[in-house]
Amino acid sequence: MTAIALVLTWVAMWSPAAWARIDNLLVFIPGTISMLCAVLLTGGKALDRVVRIAKDSDPDDDG
């Protein structure tokens, strides 16, 4: 999705004819989906790290 949004943006930026033909939604929708995926993946990694740190520092853990 990110690649599609980036390619369409670069083509539209350097070609005035393409700028008129490329609909904004063709860039907005894939870009939005890719950003949501990036946010979710980052949040998942952060949550995983917090859980791992909390598990490692658990004083009740005998192992």
C-alpha atoms as a PDB file:
ATOM      1  CA  MET A   1       0.000   0.000   0.000  1.00  0.00           C
ATOM      2  CA  THR A   2       2.812   2.368   0.831  1.00  0.00           C
ATOM      3  CA  ALA A   3       4.520   1.666  -2.491  1.00  0.00           C
ATOM      4  CA  ILE A   4       1.324   2.395  -4.423  1.00  0.00           C
ATOM      5  CA  ALA A   5       0.786   5.692  -2.616  1.00  0.00           C
ATOM      6  CA  LEU A   6       4.425   6.732  -3.052  1.00  0.00           C
ATOM      7  CA  VAL A   7       4.558   5.872  -6.756  1.00  0.00           C
ATOM      8  CA  LEU A   8       1.315   7.718  -7.498  1.00  0.00           C
ATOM      9  CA  THR A   9       2.483  10.736  -5.519  1.00  0.00           C
ATOM     10  CA  TRP A  10       5.851  10.891  -7.314  1.00  0.00           C
ATOM     11  CA  VAL A  11       4.257  10.451 -10.736  1.00  0.00           C
ATOM     12  CA  ALA A  12       1.697  13.166  -9.982  1.00  0.00           C
ATOM     13  CA  MET A  13       4.342  15.518  -8.628  1.00  0.00           C
ATOM     14  CA  TRP A  14       6.585  15.352 -11.700  1.00  0.00           C
ATOM     15  CA  SER A  15       3.916  15.109 -14.417  1.00  0.00           C
ATOM     16  CA  PRO A  16       1.285  17.842 -14.704  1.00  0.00           C
ATOM     17  CA  ALA A  17      -0.813  15.633 -16.997  1.00  0.00           C
ATOM     18  CA  ALA A  18      -0.818  12.835 -14.431  1.00  0.00           C
ATOM     19  CA  TRP A  19      -1.677  15.316 -11.675  1.00  0.00           C
ATOM     20  CA  ALA A  20      -4.995  16.024 -13.392  1.00  0.00           C
ATOM     21  CA  ARG A  21      -5.767  12.321 -13.917  1.00  0.00           C
ATOM     22  CA  ILE A  22      -4.809  10.800 -10.561  1.00  0.00           C
ATOM     23  CA  ASP A  23      -7.679  10.943  -8.122  1.00  0.00           C
ATOM     24  CA  ASN A  24      -6.746  11.989  -4.589  1.00  0.00           C
ATOM     25  CA  LEU A  25      -8.431   8.877  -3.171  1.00  0.00           C
ATOM     26  CA  LEU A  26      -5.976   6.670  -5.085  1.00  0.00           C
ATOM     27  CA  VAL A  27      -3.209   8.173  -2.961  1.00  0.00           C
ATOM     28  CA  PHE A  28      -5.170   8.816   0.236  1.00  0.00           C
ATOM     29  CA  ILE A  29      -6.642   5.324   0.750  1.00  0.00           C
ATOM     30  CA  PRO A  30      -3.431   3.249   0.341  1.00  0.00           C
ATOM     31  CA  GLY A  31      -1.469   5.828   2.318  1.00  0.00           C
ATOM     32  CA  THR A  32      -3.991   5.740   5.151  1.00  0.00           C
ATOM     33  CA  ILE A  33      -4.021   1.949   5.252  1.00  0.00           C
ATOM     34  CA  SER A  34      -0.229   1.783   5.343  1.00  0.00           C
ATOM     35  CA  MET A  35      -0.024   4.366   8.127  1.00  0.00           C
ATOM     36  CA  LEU A  36      -2.625   2.486  10.191  1.00  0.00           C
ATOM     37  CA  CYS A  37      -0.607  -0.710   9.748  1.00  0.00           C
ATOM     38  CA  ALA A  38       2.558   1.076  10.855  1.00  0.00           C
ATOM     39  CA  VAL A  39       0.837   2.458  13.953  1.00  0.00           C
ATOM     40  CA  LEU A  40      -0.639  -0.944  14.857  1.00  0.00           C
ATOM     41  CA  LEU A  41       2.681  -2.728  14.382  1.00  0.00           C
ATOM     42  CA  THR A  42       4.505  -0.127  16.469  1.00  0.00           C
ATOM     43  CA  GLY A  43       1.885  -0.356  19.219  1.00  0.00           C
ATOM     44  CA  GLY A  44       2.096  -4.146  19.203  1.00  0.00           C
ATOM     45  CA  LYS A  45       5.873  -4.093  19.508  1.00  0.00           C
ATOM     46  CA  ALA A  46       5.718  -1.545  22.336  1.00  0.00           C
ATOM     47  CA  LEU A  47       3.105  -3.588  24.191  1.00  0.00           C
ATOM     48  CA  ASP A  48       5.173  -6.741  23.739  1.00  0.00           C
ATOM     49  CA  ARG A  49       8.240  -4.987  25.150  1.00  0.00           C
ATOM     50  CA  VAL A  50       6.299  -3.672  28.166  1.00  0.00           C
ATOM     51  CA  VAL A  51       4.909  -7.145  28.886  1.00  0.00           C
ATOM     52  CA  ARG A  52       8.369  -8.707  28.554  1.00  0.00           C
ATOM     53  CA  ILE A  53       9.926  -6.106  30.893  1.00  0.00           C
ATOM     54  CA  ALA A  54       7.129  -6.566  33.429  1.00  0.00           C
ATOM     55  CA  LYS A  55       7.532 -10.340  33.255  1.00  0.00           C
ATOM     56  CA  ASP A  56      11.321 -10.152  33.722  1.00  0.00           C
ATOM     57  CA  SER A  57      11.045  -7.851  36.742  1.00  0.00           C
ATOM     58  CA  ASP A  58       8.263  -9.824  38.477  1.00  0.00           C
ATOM     59  CA  PRO A  59       9.405 -10.298  42.111  1.00  0.00           C
ATOM     60  CA  ASP A  60       6.971 -13.200  42.629  1.00  0.00           C
ATOM     61  CA  ASP A  61       8.591 -15.194  39.853  1.00  0.00           C
ATOM     62  CA  ASP A  62      10.636 -18.097  41.243  1.00  0.00           C
ATOM     63  CA  GLY A  63      12.223 -19.062  37.926  1.00  0.00           C
END
